[in-house]
PDB file of N, CA and C in Angstrom:
ATOM      1  N   MET A   1       8.561 -24.702  -4.421  1.00  0.00           N
ATOM      2  CA  MET A   1       9.484 -23.928  -3.610  1.00  0.00           C
ATOM      3  C   MET A   1       9.987 -24.828  -2.478  1.00  0.00           C
ATOM      4  N   THR A   2      11.289 -24.867  -2.323  1.00  0.00           N
ATOM      5  CA  THR A   2      11.852 -25.691  -1.265  1.00  0.00           C
ATOM      6  C   THR A   2      11.739 -24.975   0.070  1.00  0.00           C
ATOM      7  N   ALA A   3      11.903 -25.738   1.122  1.00  0.00           N
ATOM      8  CA  ALA A   3      11.819 -25.172   2.466  1.00  0.00           C
ATOM      9  C   ALA A   3      12.939 -24.161   2.707  1.00  0.00           C
ATOM     10  N   ILE A   4      14.114 -24.436   2.169  1.00  0.00           N
ATOM     11  CA  ILE A   4      15.242 -23.524   2.350  1.00  0.00           C
ATOM     12  C   ILE A   4      14.986 -22.217   1.615  1.00  0.00           C
ATOM     13  N   HIS A   5      14.432 -22.295   0.423  1.00  0.00           N
ATOM     14  CA  HIS A   5      14.120 -21.082  -0.342  1.00  0.00           C
ATOM     15  C   HIS A   5      13.052 -20.259   0.372  1.00  0.00           C
ATOM     16  N   ALA A   6      12.053 -20.916   0.915  1.00  0.00           N
ATOM     17  CA  ALA A   6      10.997 -20.212   1.646  1.00  0.00           C
ATOM     18  C   ALA A   6      11.563 -19.536   2.889  1.00  0.00           C
ATOM     19  N   LEU A   7      12.436 -20.230   3.604  1.00  0.00           N
ATOM     20  CA  LEU A   7      13.072 -19.656   4.790  1.00  0.00           C
ATOM     21  C   LEU A   7      13.932 -18.455   4.416  1.00  0.00           C
ATOM     22  N   ARG A   8      14.669 -18.579   3.333  1.00  0.00           N
ATOM     23  CA  ARG A   8      15.522 -17.475   2.882  1.00  0.00           C
ATOM     24  C   ARG A   8      14.678 -16.261   2.486  1.00  0.00           C
ATOM     25  N   THR A   9      13.565 -16.493   1.827  1.00  0.00           N
ATOM     26  CA  THR A   9      12.676 -15.405   1.441  1.00  0.00           C
ATOM     27  C   THR A   9      12.108 -14.709   2.659  1.00  0.00           C
ATOM     28  N   ARG A  10      11.675 -15.469   3.653  1.00  0.00           N
ATOM     29  CA  ARG A  10      11.133 -14.881   4.884  1.00  0.00           C
ATOM     30  C   ARG A  10      12.207 -14.124   5.658  1.00  0.00           C
ATOM     31  N   LEU A  11      13.400 -14.684   5.731  1.00  0.00           N
ATOM     32  CA  LEU A  11      14.497 -14.021   6.444  1.00  0.00           C
ATOM     33  C   LEU A  11      14.872 -12.713   5.756  1.00  0.00           C
ATOM     34  N   THR A  12      14.903 -12.720   4.438  1.00  0.00           N
ATOM     35  CA  THR A  12      15.199 -11.504   3.687  1.00  0.00           C
ATOM     36  C   THR A  12      14.146 -10.435   3.952  1.00  0.00           C
ATOM     37  N   ALA A  13      12.881 -10.834   3.952  1.00  0.00           N
ATOM     38  CA  ALA A  13      11.799  -9.880   4.218  1.00  0.00           C
ATOM     39  C   ALA A  13      11.894  -9.339   5.645  1.00  0.00           C
ATOM     40  N   LEU A  14      12.224 -10.204   6.593  1.00  0.00           N
ATOM     41  CA  LEU A  14      12.358  -9.771   7.983  1.00  0.00           C
ATOM     42  C   LEU A  14      13.501  -8.777   8.144  1.00  0.00           C
ATOM     43  N   LEU A  15      14.643  -9.071   7.546  1.00  0.00           N
ATOM     44  CA  LEU A  15      15.791  -8.167   7.635  1.00  0.00           C
ATOM     45  C   LEU A  15      15.501  -6.840   6.946  1.00  0.00           C
ATOM     46  N   GLN A  16      14.750  -6.884   5.848  1.00  0.00           N
ATOM     47  CA  GLN A  16      14.387  -5.658   5.157  1.00  0.00           C
ATOM     48  C   GLN A  16      13.431  -4.831   6.006  1.00  0.00           C
ATOM     49  N   MET A  17      12.471  -5.473   6.664  1.00  0.00           N
ATOM     50  CA  MET A  17      11.527  -4.765   7.514  1.00  0.00           C
ATOM     51  C   MET A  17      12.234  -4.140   8.719  1.00  0.00           C
ATOM     52  N   MET A  18      13.236  -4.846   9.264  1.00  0.00           N
ATOM     53  CA  MET A  18      13.984  -4.338  10.418  1.00  0.00           C
ATOM     54  C   MET A  18      14.993  -3.266  10.011  1.00  0.00           C
ATOM     55  N   ARG A  19      15.234  -3.142   8.704  1.00  0.00           N
ATOM     56  CA  ARG A  19      16.281  -2.250   8.177  1.00  0.00           C
ATOM     57  C   ARG A  19      17.617  -2.605   8.821  1.00  0.00           C
ATOM     58  N   ALA A  20      17.967  -3.865   8.676  1.00  0.00           N
ATOM     59  CA  ALA A  20      19.160  -4.398   9.337  1.00  0.00           C
ATOM     60  C   ALA A  20      20.437  -3.659   8.958  1.00  0.00           C
ATOM     61  N   GLN A  21      20.481  -3.085   7.763  1.00  0.00           N
ATOM     62  CA  GLN A  21      21.696  -2.392   7.341  1.00  0.00           C
ATOM     63  C   GLN A  21      21.951  -1.134   8.174  1.00  0.00           C
ATOM     64  N   PHE A  22      20.932  -0.648   8.900  1.00  0.00           N
ATOM     65  CA  PHE A  22      21.098   0.555   9.713  1.00  0.00           C
ATOM     66  C   PHE A  22      21.302   0.246  11.196  1.00  0.00           C
ATOM     67  N   LEU A  23      21.408  -1.020  11.562  1.00  0.00           N
ATOM     68  CA  LEU A  23      21.627  -1.366  12.967  1.00  0.00           C
ATOM     69  C   LEU A  23      22.981  -0.894  13.473  1.00  0.00           C
ATOM     70  N   ILE A  24      23.901  -0.635  12.554  1.00  0.00           N
ATOM     71  CA  ILE A  24      25.198  -0.095  12.959  1.00  0.00           C
ATOM     72  C   ILE A  24      25.009   1.262  13.639  1.00  0.00           C
ATOM     73  N   GLY A  25      23.894   1.932  13.319  1.00  0.00           N
ATOM     74  CA  GLY A  25      23.593   3.225  13.924  1.00  0.00           C
ATOM     75  C   GLY A  25      23.371   3.141  15.424  1.00  0.00           C
ATOM     76  N   ILE A  26      23.068   1.980  15.959  1.00  0.00           N
ATOM     77  CA  ILE A  26      22.931   1.804  17.404  1.00  0.00           C
ATOM     78  C   ILE A  26      24.099   0.990  17.961  1.00  0.00           C
ATOM     79  N   ILE A  27      24.650   0.089  17.175  1.00  0.00           N
ATOM     80  CA  ILE A  27      25.761  -0.743  17.657  1.00  0.00           C
ATOM     81  C   ILE A  27      27.006   0.111  17.904  1.00  0.00           C
ATOM     82  N   PHE A  28      27.295   1.028  16.999  1.00  0.00           N
ATOM     83  CA  PHE A  28      28.493   1.852  17.138  1.00  0.00           C
ATOM     84  C   PHE A  28      28.463   2.710  18.405  1.00  0.00           C
ATOM     85  N   PRO A  29      27.388   3.491  18.672  1.00  0.00           N
ATOM     86  CA  PRO A  29      27.388   4.285  19.906  1.00  0.00           C
ATOM     87  C   PRO A  29      27.417   3.434  21.172  1.00  0.00           C
ATOM     88  N   LEU A  30      26.762   2.271  21.154  1.00  0.00           N
ATOM     89  CA  LEU A  30      26.805   1.392  22.326  1.00  0.00           C
ATOM     90  C   LEU A  30      28.227   0.900  22.583  1.00  0.00           C
ATOM     91  N   THR A  31      28.926   0.557  21.527  1.00  0.00           N
ATOM     92  CA  THR A  31      30.300   0.072  21.673  1.00  0.00           C
ATOM     93  C   THR A  31      31.221   1.189  22.164  1.00  0.00           C
ATOM     94  N   VAL A  32      31.068   2.373  21.618  1.00  0.00           N
ATOM     95  CA  VAL A  32      31.888   3.509  22.062  1.00  0.00           C
ATOM     96  C   VAL A  32      31.601   3.815  23.526  1.00  0.00           C
ATOM     97  N   GLY A  33      30.334   3.813  23.909  1.00  0.00           N
ATOM     98  CA  GLY A  33      29.979   4.049  25.310  1.00  0.00           C
ATOM     99  C   GLY A  33      30.566   2.999  26.232  1.00  0.00           C
ATOM    100  N   MET A  34      30.544   1.743  25.783  1.00  0.00           N
ATOM    101  CA  MET A  34      31.124   0.672  26.580  1.00  0.00           C
ATOM    102  C   MET A  34      32.630   0.858  26.732  1.00  0.00           C
ATOM    103  N   LEU A  35      33.301   1.231  25.646  1.00  0.00           N
ATOM    104  CA  LEU A  35      34.752   1.443  25.708  1.00  0.00           C
ATOM    105  C   LEU A  35      35.104   2.608  26.631  1.00  0.00           C
ATOM    106  N   ILE A  36      34.327   3.670  26.593  1.00  0.00           N
ATOM    107  CA  ILE A  36      34.573   4.808  27.483  1.00  0.00           C
ATOM    108  C   ILE A  36      34.374   4.388  28.941  1.00  0.00           C
ATOM    109  N   THR A  37      33.338   3.613  29.199  1.00  0.00           N
ATOM    110  CA  THR A  37      33.071   3.140  30.561  1.00  0.00           C
ATOM    111  C   THR A  37      34.195   2.244  31.062  1.00  0.00           C
ATOM    112  N   VAL A  38      34.656   1.340  30.219  1.00  0.00           N
ATOM    113  CA  VAL A  38      35.759   0.453  30.616  1.00  0.00           C
ATOM    114  C   VAL A  38      37.014   1.278  30.871  1.00  0.00           C
ATOM    115  N   TYR A  39      37.264   2.274  30.059  1.00  0.00           N
ATOM    116  CA  TYR A  39      38.446   3.131  30.244  1.00  0.00           C
ATOM    117  C   TYR A  39      38.395   3.845  31.601  1.00  0.00           C
ATOM    118  N   HIS A  40      37.229   4.380  31.958  1.00  0.00           N
ATOM    119  CA  HIS A  40      37.115   5.155  33.201  1.00  0.00           C
ATOM    120  C   HIS A  40      37.019   4.275  34.453  1.00  0.00           C
ATOM    121  N   THR A  41      36.366   3.126  34.344  1.00  0.00           N
ATOM    122  CA  THR A  41      36.177   2.289  35.536  1.00  0.00           C
ATOM    123  C   THR A  41      37.188   1.161  35.641  1.00  0.00           C
ATOM    124  N   GLY A  42      37.732   0.745  34.516  1.00  0.00           N
ATOM    125  CA  GLY A  42      38.676  -0.362  34.518  1.00  0.00           C
ATOM    126  C   GLY A  42      38.011  -1.729  34.592  1.00  0.00           C
ATOM    127  N   THR A  43      36.681  -1.762  34.526  1.00  0.00           N
ATOM    128  CA  THR A  43      35.974  -3.037  34.572  1.00  0.00           C
ATOM    129  C   THR A  43      34.994  -3.121  33.411  1.00  0.00           C
ATOM    130  N   PHE A  44      34.723  -4.363  33.018  1.00  0.00           N
ATOM    131  CA  PHE A  44      33.743  -4.621  31.969  1.00  0.00           C
ATOM    132  C   PHE A  44      32.719  -5.599  32.512  1.00  0.00           C
ATOM    133  N   ARG A  45      31.468  -5.248  32.413  1.00  0.00           N
ATOM    134  CA  ARG A  45      30.385  -6.113  32.874  1.00  0.00           C
ATOM    135  C   ARG A  45      29.606  -6.609  31.661  1.00  0.00           C
ATOM    136  N   PRO A  46      29.911  -7.823  31.199  1.00  0.00           N
ATOM    137  CA  PRO A  46      29.285  -8.323  29.976  1.00  0.00           C
ATOM    138  C   PRO A  46      27.763  -8.432  30.079  1.00  0.00           C
ATOM    139  N   LEU A  47      27.254  -8.838  31.237  1.00  0.00           N
ATOM    140  CA  LEU A  47      25.808  -8.962  31.373  1.00  0.00           C
ATOM    141  C   LEU A  47      25.126  -7.602  31.232  1.00  0.00           C
ATOM    142  N   GLY A  48      25.695  -6.588  31.841  1.00  0.00           N
ATOM    143  CA  GLY A  48      25.153  -5.239  31.721  1.00  0.00           C
ATOM    144  C   GLY A  48      25.206  -4.732  30.291  1.00  0.00           C
ATOM    145  N   PHE A  49      26.335  -4.990  29.621  1.00  0.00           N
ATOM    146  CA  PHE A  49      26.468  -4.573  28.228  1.00  0.00           C
ATOM    147  C   PHE A  49      25.449  -5.285  27.345  1.00  0.00           C
ATOM    148  N   LEU A  50      25.286  -6.588  27.534  1.00  0.00           N
ATOM    149  CA  LEU A  50      24.315  -7.339  26.729  1.00  0.00           C
ATOM    150  C   LEU A  50      22.889  -6.868  26.992  1.00  0.00           C
ATOM    151  N   LEU A  51      22.592  -6.536  28.231  1.00  0.00           N
ATOM    152  CA  LEU A  51      21.261  -6.028  28.563  1.00  0.00           C
ATOM    153  C   LEU A  51      20.996  -4.696  27.861  1.00  0.00           C
ATOM    154  N   VAL A  52      21.944  -3.773  27.965  1.00  0.00           N
ATOM    155  CA  VAL A  52      21.784  -2.466  27.320  1.00  0.00           C
ATOM    156  C   VAL A  52      21.752  -2.613  25.795  1.00  0.00           C
ATOM    157  N   ALA A  53      22.620  -3.467  25.255  1.00  0.00           N
ATOM    158  CA  ALA A  53      22.640  -3.678  23.807  1.00  0.00           C
ATOM    159  C   ALA A  53      21.323  -4.291  23.332  1.00  0.00           C
ATOM    160  N   GLY A  54      20.797  -5.247  24.080  1.00  0.00           N
ATOM    161  CA  GLY A  54      19.516  -5.853  23.706  1.00  0.00           C
ATOM    162  C   GLY A  54      18.374  -4.856  23.731  1.00  0.00           C
ATOM    163  N   ILE A  55      18.351  -4.017  24.752  1.00  0.00           N
ATOM    164  CA  ILE A  55      17.309  -2.995  24.838  1.00  0.00           C
ATOM    165  C   ILE A  55      17.480  -1.972  23.715  1.00  0.00           C
ATOM    166  N   GLY A  56      18.707  -1.553  23.460  1.00  0.00           N
ATOM    167  CA  GLY A  56      18.964  -0.583  22.393  1.00  0.00           C
ATOM    168  C   GLY A  56      18.592  -1.121  21.022  1.00  0.00           C
ATOM    169  N   LEU A  57      19.015  -2.354  20.736  1.00  0.00           N
ATOM    170  CA  LEU A  57      18.674  -2.964  19.446  1.00  0.00           C
ATOM    171  C   LEU A  57      17.170  -3.181  19.322  1.00  0.00           C
ATOM    172  N   GLY A  58      16.550  -3.630  20.413  1.00  0.00           N
ATOM    173  CA  GLY A  58      15.102  -3.848  20.382  1.00  0.00           C
ATOM    174  C   GLY A  58      14.339  -2.561  20.119  1.00  0.00           C
ATOM    175  N   ALA A  59      14.743  -1.482  20.774  1.00  0.00           N
ATOM    176  CA  ALA A  59      14.085  -0.188  20.563  1.00  0.00           C
ATOM    177  C   ALA A  59      14.312   0.309  19.140  1.00  0.00           C
ATOM    178  N   HIS A  60      15.518   0.122  18.631  1.00  0.00           N
ATOM    179  CA  HIS A  60      15.837   0.549  17.273  1.00  0.00           C
ATOM    180  C   HIS A  60      15.005  -0.223  16.241  1.00  0.00           C
ATOM    181  N   ILE A  61      14.947  -1.541  16.394  1.00  0.00           N
ATOM    182  CA  ILE A  61      14.177  -2.376  15.471  1.00  0.00           C
ATOM    183  C   ILE A  61      12.685  -2.058  15.576  1.00  0.00           C
ATOM    184  N   ALA A  62      12.184  -1.905  16.803  1.00  0.00           N
ATOM    185  CA  ALA A  62      10.760  -1.595  16.989  1.00  0.00           C
ATOM    186  C   ALA A  62      10.406  -0.258  16.341  1.00  0.00           C
ATOM    187  N   THR A  63      11.287   0.719  16.461  1.00  0.00           N
ATOM    188  CA  THR A  63      11.042   2.014  15.838  1.00  0.00           C
ATOM    189  C   THR A  63      11.007   1.899  14.321  1.00  0.00           C
ATOM    190  N   ASN A  64      11.931   1.132  13.749  1.00  0.00           N
ATOM    191  CA  ASN A  64      11.940   0.943  12.300  1.00  0.00           C
ATOM    192  C   ASN A  64      10.671   0.257  11.815  1.00  0.00           C
ATOM    193  N   VAL A  65      10.239  -0.784  12.513  1.00  0.00           N
ATOM    194  CA  VAL A  65       9.027  -1.504  12.114  1.00  0.00           C
ATOM    195  C   VAL A  65       7.802  -0.603  12.263  1.00  0.00           C
ATOM    196  N   TYR A  66       7.725   0.129  13.378  1.00  0.00           N
ATOM    197  CA  TYR A  66       6.607   1.043  13.587  1.00  0.00           C
ATOM    198  C   TYR A  66       6.567   2.098  12.487  1.00  0.00           C
ATOM    199  N   ASN A  67       7.727   2.612  12.101  1.00  0.00           N
ATOM    200  CA  ASN A  67       7.792   3.609  11.046  1.00  0.00           C
ATOM    201  C   ASN A  67       7.273   3.048   9.728  1.00  0.00           C
ATOM    202  N   ASP A  68       7.636   1.797   9.411  1.00  0.00           N
ATOM    203  CA  ASP A  68       7.128   1.172   8.189  1.00  0.00           C
ATOM    204  C   ASP A  68       5.616   1.003   8.234  1.00  0.00           C
ATOM    205  N   ILE A  69       5.094   0.598   9.381  1.00  0.00           N
ATOM    206  CA  ILE A  69       3.645   0.442   9.520  1.00  0.00           C
ATOM    207  C   ILE A  69       2.948   1.790   9.344  1.00  0.00           C
ATOM    208  N   TYR A  70       3.476   2.826   9.989  1.00  0.00           N
ATOM    209  CA  TYR A  70       2.892   4.161   9.896  1.00  0.00           C
ATOM    210  C   TYR A  70       2.934   4.666   8.454  1.00  0.00           C
ATOM    211  N   ASP A  71       4.087   4.485   7.790  1.00  0.00           N
ATOM    212  CA  ASP A  71       4.205   4.914   6.392  1.00  0.00           C
ATOM    213  C   ASP A  71       3.195   4.189   5.508  1.00  0.00           C
ATOM    214  N   THR A  72       2.978   2.910   5.764  1.00  0.00           N
ATOM    215  CA  THR A  72       2.010   2.142   4.983  1.00  0.00           C
ATOM    216  C   THR A  72       0.599   2.659   5.215  1.00  0.00           C
ATOM    217  N   CYS A  73       0.260   2.928   6.466  1.00  0.00           N
ATOM    218  CA  CYS A  73      -1.080   3.442   6.782  1.00  0.00           C
ATOM    219  C   CYS A  73      -1.304   4.829   6.186  1.00  0.00           C
ATOM    220  N   GLN A  74      -0.277   5.640   6.101  1.00  0.00           N
ATOM    221  CA  GLN A  74      -0.386   6.994   5.560  1.00  0.00           C
ATOM    222  C   GLN A  74      -0.141   7.047   4.046  1.00  0.00           C
ATOM    223  N   HIS A  75       0.113   5.887   3.448  1.00  0.00           N
ATOM    224  CA  HIS A  75       0.399   5.767   2.008  1.00  0.00           C
ATOM    225  C   HIS A  75       1.625   6.581   1.611  1.00  0.00           C
ATOM    226  N   ALA A  76       2.559   6.735   2.516  1.00  0.00           N
ATOM    227  CA  ALA A  76       3.782   7.488   2.220  1.00  0.00           C
ATOM    228  C   ALA A  76       4.698   6.706   1.285  1.00  0.00           C
ATOM    229  N   ASP A  77       4.637   5.386   1.334  1.00  0.00           N
ATOM    230  CA  ASP A  77       5.510   4.578   0.485  1.00  0.00           C
ATOM    231  C   ASP A  77       5.103   4.616  -0.982  1.00  0.00           C
ATOM    232  N   SER A  78       3.892   5.061  -1.275  1.00  0.00           N
ATOM    233  CA  SER A  78       3.471   5.109  -2.676  1.00  0.00           C
ATOM    234  C   SER A  78       4.142   6.264  -3.419  1.00  0.00           C
ATOM    235  N   THR A  79       4.675   7.239  -2.680  1.00  0.00           N
ATOM    236  CA  THR A  79       5.333   8.374  -3.323  1.00  0.00           C
ATOM    237  C   THR A  79       6.844   8.290  -3.257  1.00  0.00           C
ATOM    238  N   THR A  80       7.389   7.373  -2.471  1.00  0.00           N
ATOM    239  CA  THR A  80       8.834   7.210  -2.364  1.00  0.00           C
ATOM    240  C   THR A  80       9.218   5.789  -2.735  1.00  0.00           C
ATOM    241  N   THR A  81      10.439   5.602  -3.151  1.00  0.00           N
ATOM    242  CA  THR A  81      10.932   4.270  -3.493  1.00  0.00           C
ATOM    243  C   THR A  81      12.175   3.986  -2.669  1.00  0.00           C
ATOM    244  N   ARG A  82      12.375   2.710  -2.382  1.00  0.00           N
ATOM    245  CA  ARG A  82      13.568   2.263  -1.653  1.00  0.00           C
ATOM    246  C   ARG A  82      14.303   1.243  -2.511  1.00  0.00           C
ATOM    247  N   PRO A  83      15.620   1.258  -2.432  1.00  0.00           N
ATOM    248  CA  PRO A  83      16.358   0.218  -3.136  1.00  0.00           C
ATOM    249  C   PRO A  83      16.151  -1.134  -2.460  1.00  0.00           C
ATOM    250  N   GLU A  84      16.202  -2.188  -3.259  1.00  0.00           N
ATOM    251  CA  GLU A  84      16.021  -3.532  -2.703  1.00  0.00           C
ATOM    252  C   GLU A  84      17.256  -3.950  -1.923  1.00  0.00           C
ATOM    253  N   VAL A  85      17.037  -4.683  -0.812  1.00  0.00           N
ATOM    254  CA  VAL A  85      18.129  -5.250  -0.026  1.00  0.00           C
ATOM    255  C   VAL A  85      18.452  -6.607  -0.606  1.00  0.00           C
ATOM    256  N   ARG A  86      19.700  -6.846  -0.908  1.00  0.00           N
ATOM    257  CA  ARG A  86      20.091  -8.130  -1.494  1.00  0.00           C
ATOM    258  C   ARG A  86      20.947  -8.910  -0.558  1.00  0.00           C
TER     259      ARG A  86
END
């Protein structure tokens, strides 16, 4: 196995564990909230937006990972199936 193949395999597993395909569920509301704020105040604070986005994404990812751990401990995944992420 080459180093690139090993890295790709690990990255795929990490993205699957984070449920990266569902991150739009937090990115979209953050962006809409930012646009509403800019509309009402007339200013955009990139540092504030990045801070809130980082906290939101971190909380979202942590919740997804925690849910996977909990499901594994409760053997919930043995009764349900998920499609593979490609």
